[in-house]
């Protein structure tokens, strides 16, 4: 999301002294949002400047006190996964360089998937293999200092494999307010 705002100033105007800064605001759900603001001179002779404001996703929780705790991440992950919205959980809670580890490699999935884009793609692939989701249940989390675990039970009909009722132990590691790894054990 990018916004442009026109700003006119004279040579001594305050906007002439800044190249960029970070603007913080609170959203309706009380999350701190980081916005990168840059001054861009559009025309050579006039002193018209534009503020280019772009949401800065990477730096949205720069201040340590605003990072989510392991407990908060675990609670949020369980809440989202209970609605089977795995993509939302990954997008909101996973680090860009997160790793996803399966119990073993299979024809459909490698043992390890590295990076959030690849993890999101793996999720889409899994979803495309599901004919019908009958039910999902996720336990309350067991919390460690920098990790937590849940059990997840999926009762699904797969397109080419038929009905499956499986329970996995899901172990998550957390660093700097984000999930850095998930591992599934049968």
Protein backbone atom coordinates (compact mmCIF):
# COMPACT_ATOMS: atom_id res chain seq x y z
CA UNK A 1 0.00 0.00 0.00
CA UNK A 2 1.53 3.34 -1.06
CA UNK A 3 0.16 6.82 -0.51
CA UNK A 4 1.36 10.06 -2.12
CA UNK A 5 0.82 13.41 -0.44
CA UNK A 6 1.85 16.72 -2.03
CA UNK A 7 3.86 19.12 0.13
CA UNK A 8 4.91 22.63 -0.96
CA UNK A 9 7.66 24.42 0.89
CA UNK A 10 10.21 27.19 0.53
CA UNK A 11 13.99 26.70 0.64
CA UNK A 12 13.99 26.97 4.41
CA UNK A 13 10.96 24.70 4.83
CA UNK A 14 11.31 21.80 7.23
CA UNK A 15 10.65 19.20 4.53
CA UNK A 16 13.85 20.19 2.72
CA UNK A 17 15.99 18.89 5.58
CA UNK A 18 14.74 15.31 5.72
CA UNK A 19 15.25 12.41 3.31
CA UNK A 20 13.09 9.86 5.14
CA UNK A 21 11.83 8.87 8.56
CA UNK A 22 9.69 6.20 10.14
CA UNK A 23 6.17 7.05 11.24
CA UNK A 24 4.51 4.84 13.82
CA UNK A 25 0.81 4.58 14.49
CA UNK A 26 -1.46 2.12 16.24
CA UNK A 27 -4.01 0.21 14.25
CA UNK A 28 -7.48 -0.58 15.54
CA UNK A 29 -6.24 -3.91 16.94
CA UNK A 30 -3.46 -2.12 18.85
CA UNK A 31 -0.59 -3.39 16.70
CA UNK A 32 2.28 -1.01 16.03
CA UNK A 33 2.59 -0.33 12.32
CA UNK A 34 5.75 0.99 10.72
CA UNK A 35 5.44 3.34 7.78
CA UNK A 36 8.39 4.48 5.72
CA UNK A 37 8.02 8.11 4.67
CA UNK A 38 10.24 9.59 1.95
CA UNK A 39 10.38 13.09 0.54
CA UNK A 40 10.57 13.07 -3.24
CA UNK A 41 11.25 16.24 -5.24
CA UNK A 42 9.18 15.91 -8.39
CA UNK A 43 10.09 19.08 -10.34
CA UNK A 44 13.47 20.78 -10.63
CA UNK A 45 12.69 24.48 -10.24
CA UNK A 46 9.60 24.44 -8.06
CA UNK A 47 9.84 23.38 -4.48
CA UNK A 48 7.01 20.90 -4.61
CA UNK A 49 7.73 17.77 -2.64
CA UNK A 50 5.66 14.66 -2.26
CA UNK A 51 5.53 12.44 0.75
CA UNK A 52 5.71 8.84 -0.36
CA UNK A 53 4.29 6.73 2.43
CA UNK A 54 4.64 2.97 2.22
CA UNK A 55 3.76 0.39 4.81
CA UNK A 56 6.97 -1.20 6.00
CA UNK A 57 6.09 -4.80 6.87
CA UNK A 58 9.60 -5.89 7.84
CA UNK A 59 10.03 -3.10 10.38
CA UNK A 60 6.52 -3.07 11.81
CA UNK A 61 7.76 -4.26 15.22
CA UNK A 62 11.15 -2.53 15.51
CA UNK A 63 10.77 -1.68 19.17
CA UNK A 64 11.55 -4.72 21.36
CA UNK A 65 8.76 -3.99 23.80
CA UNK A 66 6.24 -4.28 20.95
CA UNK A 67 7.34 -7.74 19.80
CA UNK A 68 4.99 -10.59 20.56
CA UNK A 69 6.01 -13.00 23.29
CA UNK A 70 6.17 -16.76 22.75
CA UNK A 71 2.88 -17.06 24.68
CA UNK A 72 1.17 -14.42 22.51
CA UNK A 73 2.42 -16.04 19.29
CA UNK A 74 1.29 -19.50 20.45
CA UNK A 75 -2.15 -18.23 21.44
CA UNK A 76 -2.59 -16.38 18.14
CA UNK A 77 -1.38 -19.36 16.08
CA UNK A 78 -3.82 -21.73 17.81
CA UNK A 79 -6.68 -19.25 17.38
CA UNK A 80 -6.02 -18.87 13.63
CA UNK A 81 -5.29 -22.56 12.97
CA UNK A 82 -8.56 -23.58 14.61
CA UNK A 83 -10.26 -21.79 11.70
CA UNK A 84 -7.99 -23.67 9.22
CA UNK A 85 -6.57 -20.38 7.92
CA UNK A 86 -2.95 -21.56 7.84
CA UNK A 87 -1.86 -18.94 5.31
CA UNK A 88 -2.99 -16.13 7.62
CA UNK A 89 -1.10 -17.69 10.54
CA UNK A 90 2.07 -18.00 8.48
CA UNK A 91 1.84 -14.53 6.97
CA UNK A 92 1.25 -12.85 10.34
CA UNK A 93 3.48 -14.91 12.62
CA UNK A 94 6.37 -16.42 10.62
CA UNK A 95 9.76 -14.83 9.96
CA UNK A 96 10.75 -14.29 6.34
CA UNK A 97 13.48 -16.92 6.67
CA UNK A 98 11.42 -19.49 8.59
CA UNK A 99 11.90 -23.23 8.01
CA UNK A 100 9.16 -25.89 7.83
CA UNK A 101 10.20 -29.49 8.55
CA UNK A 102 8.06 -32.50 7.62
CA UNK A 103 8.41 -35.91 9.34
CA UNK A 104 9.98 -37.23 6.13
CA UNK A 105 10.28 -36.35 2.46
CA UNK A 106 7.40 -37.48 0.25
CA UNK A 107 6.61 -37.31 -3.47
CA UNK A 108 4.52 -34.20 -2.74
CA UNK A 109 6.79 -32.39 -0.24
CA UNK A 110 10.48 -32.15 0.58
CA UNK A 111 11.64 -32.79 4.15
CA UNK A 112 12.59 -29.10 4.60
CA UNK A 113 11.03 -25.99 3.11
CA UNK A 114 13.00 -22.77 3.62
CA UNK A 115 11.67 -19.22 3.49
CA UNK A 116 8.19 -17.82 4.00
CA UNK A 117 7.32 -17.62 0.27
CA UNK A 118 8.16 -21.34 -0.15
CA UNK A 119 6.20 -22.23 3.01
CA UNK A 120 3.15 -20.33 1.72
CA UNK A 121 3.45 -22.14 -1.62
CA UNK A 122 3.66 -25.49 0.19
CA UNK A 123 0.45 -24.61 2.04
CA UNK A 124 -1.33 -23.78 -1.21
CA UNK A 125 -0.16 -27.07 -2.68
CA UNK A 126 -1.49 -29.00 0.35
CA UNK A 127 -4.83 -27.16 0.15
CA UNK A 128 -5.14 -28.04 -3.53
CA UNK A 129 -4.72 -31.73 -2.62
CA UNK A 130 -7.61 -31.64 -0.13
CA UNK A 131 -10.99 -32.67 -1.49
CA UNK A 132 -12.87 -32.04 1.76
CA UNK A 133 -11.88 -30.88 5.24
CA UNK A 134 -14.18 -32.75 7.66
CA UNK A 135 -12.75 -31.34 10.87
CA UNK A 136 -9.70 -29.80 12.45
CA UNK A 137 -8.75 -29.55 16.10
CA UNK A 138 -5.75 -27.86 17.67
CA UNK A 139 -4.77 -28.34 21.30
CA UNK A 140 -3.90 -25.56 23.67
CA UNK A 141 -0.16 -24.84 23.45
CA UNK A 142 2.58 -26.04 25.80
CA UNK A 143 4.90 -23.06 26.20
CA UNK A 144 8.68 -22.94 26.65
CA UNK A 145 10.88 -19.84 26.75
CA UNK A 146 11.47 -19.71 22.99
CA UNK A 147 9.34 -22.58 21.73
CA UNK A 148 5.91 -24.12 22.00
CA UNK A 149 4.09 -27.25 20.86
CA UNK A 150 0.54 -28.17 19.92
CA UNK A 151 -1.17 -31.25 18.58
CA UNK A 152 -3.17 -30.81 15.41
CA UNK A 153 -5.74 -33.34 14.22
CA UNK A 154 -6.92 -33.19 10.64
CA UNK A 155 -9.82 -35.30 9.40
CA UNK A 156 -9.69 -34.84 5.62
CA UNK A 157 -10.47 -36.52 2.34
CA UNK A 158 -7.53 -36.14 -0.03
CA UNK A 159 -8.17 -36.03 -3.78
CA UNK A 160 -5.95 -38.99 -4.68
CA UNK A 161 -5.45 -40.74 -1.34
CA UNK A 162 -8.94 -40.93 0.14
CA UNK A 163 -9.91 -40.36 3.76
CA UNK A 164 -7.17 -39.55 6.29
CA UNK A 165 -7.50 -38.93 10.01
CA UNK A 166 -4.09 -37.82 11.28
CA UNK A 167 -2.73 -36.21 14.39
CA UNK A 168 0.62 -34.43 14.35
CA UNK A 169 2.78 -32.94 17.07
CA UNK A 170 3.70 -29.46 15.84
CA UNK A 171 6.77 -27.85 17.40
CA UNK A 172 7.48 -24.15 16.84
CA UNK A 173 10.64 -22.16 17.64
CA UNK A 174 10.41 -18.40 18.18
CA UNK A 175 13.04 -15.66 17.86
CA UNK A 176 12.63 -11.86 17.85
CA UNK A 177 8.84 -12.07 18.03
CA UNK A 178 8.40 -14.40 15.02
CA UNK A 179 8.22 -18.15 14.37
CA UNK A 180 11.52 -19.23 12.85
CA UNK A 181 10.75 -22.93 12.48
CA UNK A 182 7.92 -25.41 12.54
CA UNK A 183 8.39 -29.16 12.72
CA UNK A 184 5.71 -31.80 12.32
CA UNK A 185 6.03 -35.24 13.96
CA UNK A 186 3.59 -38.14 13.57
